[in-house]
């Protein structure tokens, strides 16, 4: 087995006192314990890669910044993409309000009130 690197040993020394704080903040952001744990893991991976940027002080603020950025990135990935053509979206909305089914609705299998 390989000997752990200096960076890994440094992270193992600095991170454990901050784990409870990270879990508390992650759980308040995600509102789910399992997702909070995943977010803490997603925080510790970049922390391990960037441990050389930590100045040796208690790393709570640094780790919380990584956690907040990981949470933001995760939410961006889950957010639907913006429509490429706003006019098409407008046409779909108008036809949906008027009760007409568009080709996009037909292909997607959407059921309108008139066809139900």
Protein backbone atom coordinates (compact mmCIF):
# COMPACT_ATOMS: atom_id res chain seq x y z
CA UNK A 1 0.00 0.00 0.00
CA UNK A 2 1.27 3.47 -0.88
CA UNK A 3 2.30 5.82 1.86
CA UNK A 4 -0.15 8.71 2.24
CA UNK A 5 1.00 12.00 0.84
CA UNK A 6 1.83 15.00 2.98
CA UNK A 7 -1.31 16.74 1.66
CA UNK A 8 -3.55 13.83 2.66
CA UNK A 9 -2.02 13.76 6.13
CA UNK A 10 -2.51 17.51 6.43
CA UNK A 11 -6.17 17.23 5.43
CA UNK A 12 -6.70 14.38 7.89
CA UNK A 13 -5.28 16.64 10.60
CA UNK A 14 -7.30 19.75 9.69
CA UNK A 15 -10.68 18.42 8.52
CA UNK A 16 -12.08 16.22 11.34
CA UNK A 17 -12.81 19.09 13.75
CA UNK A 18 -14.78 20.80 10.97
CA UNK A 19 -16.84 17.78 9.82
CA UNK A 20 -19.74 18.45 12.22
CA UNK A 21 -19.97 22.07 11.11
CA UNK A 22 -19.84 21.03 7.45
CA UNK A 23 -22.57 18.43 8.01
CA UNK A 24 -24.77 20.96 9.81
CA UNK A 25 -24.45 23.54 7.05
CA UNK A 26 -24.86 20.91 4.31
CA UNK A 27 -28.00 19.54 5.94
CA UNK A 28 -29.47 23.03 6.24
CA UNK A 29 -28.73 23.67 2.55
CA UNK A 30 -30.04 20.36 1.22
CA UNK A 31 -32.71 19.56 3.84
CA UNK A 32 -31.85 15.86 3.46
CA UNK A 33 -29.28 14.05 5.57
CA UNK A 34 -28.01 11.75 2.79
CA UNK A 35 -27.65 14.65 0.35
CA UNK A 36 -25.85 16.60 3.07
CA UNK A 37 -23.38 13.77 3.53
CA UNK A 38 -22.80 13.64 -0.22
CA UNK A 39 -22.22 17.39 -0.26
CA UNK A 40 -19.61 17.08 2.50
CA UNK A 41 -17.86 14.36 0.50
CA UNK A 42 -18.03 16.61 -2.57
CA UNK A 43 -16.38 19.29 -0.42
CA UNK A 44 -13.55 17.16 0.89
CA UNK A 45 -12.41 15.98 -2.56
CA UNK A 46 -11.54 19.50 -3.84
CA UNK A 47 -10.16 20.31 -0.39
CA UNK A 48 -7.77 17.39 -0.72
CA UNK A 49 -6.70 18.58 -4.17
CA UNK A 50 -6.19 22.15 -2.98
CA UNK A 51 -4.75 21.58 0.49
CA UNK A 52 -1.57 23.39 -0.57
CA UNK A 53 -3.64 26.60 -0.79
CA UNK A 54 -4.71 26.32 2.85
CA UNK A 55 -2.57 28.52 5.08
CA UNK A 56 -2.55 26.18 8.09
CA UNK A 57 -5.10 28.20 10.06
CA UNK A 58 -8.31 26.46 11.09
CA UNK A 59 -9.82 25.80 7.66
CA UNK A 60 -13.48 26.27 8.52
CA UNK A 61 -14.08 29.30 6.27
CA UNK A 62 -12.13 27.70 3.42
CA UNK A 63 -14.06 24.42 3.68
CA UNK A 64 -17.40 26.23 3.96
CA UNK A 65 -16.61 28.18 0.79
CA UNK A 66 -15.87 24.92 -1.04
CA UNK A 67 -19.11 23.44 0.35
CA UNK A 68 -21.17 26.45 -0.75
CA UNK A 69 -19.63 26.34 -4.25
CA UNK A 70 -20.26 22.57 -4.51
CA UNK A 71 -23.89 23.12 -3.52
CA UNK A 72 -24.28 25.89 -6.11
CA UNK A 73 -22.72 23.72 -8.83
CA UNK A 74 -24.98 20.80 -7.91
CA UNK A 75 -28.06 23.02 -8.18
CA UNK A 76 -26.91 24.34 -11.55
CA UNK A 77 -26.67 20.81 -12.88
CA UNK A 78 -30.23 20.03 -11.76
CA UNK A 79 -31.69 23.26 -13.18
CA UNK A 80 -33.35 22.88 -16.57
CA UNK A 81 -31.63 24.54 -19.50
CA UNK A 82 -33.04 27.73 -20.91
CA UNK A 83 -34.93 27.43 -24.14
CA UNK A 84 -32.87 28.26 -27.18
CA UNK A 85 -35.74 29.92 -29.04
CA UNK A 86 -37.97 32.18 -26.91
CA UNK A 87 -40.47 32.57 -29.78
CA UNK A 88 -41.07 28.81 -29.87
CA UNK A 89 -41.70 28.85 -26.13
CA UNK A 90 -44.14 31.73 -26.56
CA UNK A 91 -45.99 29.85 -29.31
CA UNK A 92 -46.22 26.74 -27.14
CA UNK A 93 -47.56 28.76 -24.23
CA UNK A 94 -50.17 30.51 -26.37
CA UNK A 95 -51.35 27.24 -27.89
CA UNK A 96 -51.47 25.55 -24.47
CA UNK A 97 -53.56 28.38 -23.05
CA UNK A 98 -55.91 28.31 -26.04
CA UNK A 99 -56.39 24.57 -25.65
CA UNK A 100 -54.66 23.53 -28.86
CA UNK A 101 -52.15 20.72 -28.83
CA UNK A 102 -48.83 21.48 -30.48
CA UNK A 103 -46.65 19.00 -32.30
CA UNK A 104 -44.19 19.19 -29.41
CA UNK A 105 -46.94 18.30 -26.95
CA UNK A 106 -48.05 15.42 -29.17
CA UNK A 107 -44.55 14.00 -29.47
CA UNK A 108 -43.93 14.36 -25.75
CA UNK A 109 -47.19 12.58 -24.91
CA UNK A 110 -48.75 15.49 -23.03
CA UNK A 111 -52.49 15.27 -22.56
CA UNK A 112 -54.55 18.44 -22.61
CA UNK A 113 -57.94 18.84 -21.00
CA UNK A 114 -59.70 18.73 -24.35
CA UNK A 115 -58.14 15.37 -25.28
CA UNK A 116 -58.42 13.69 -21.87
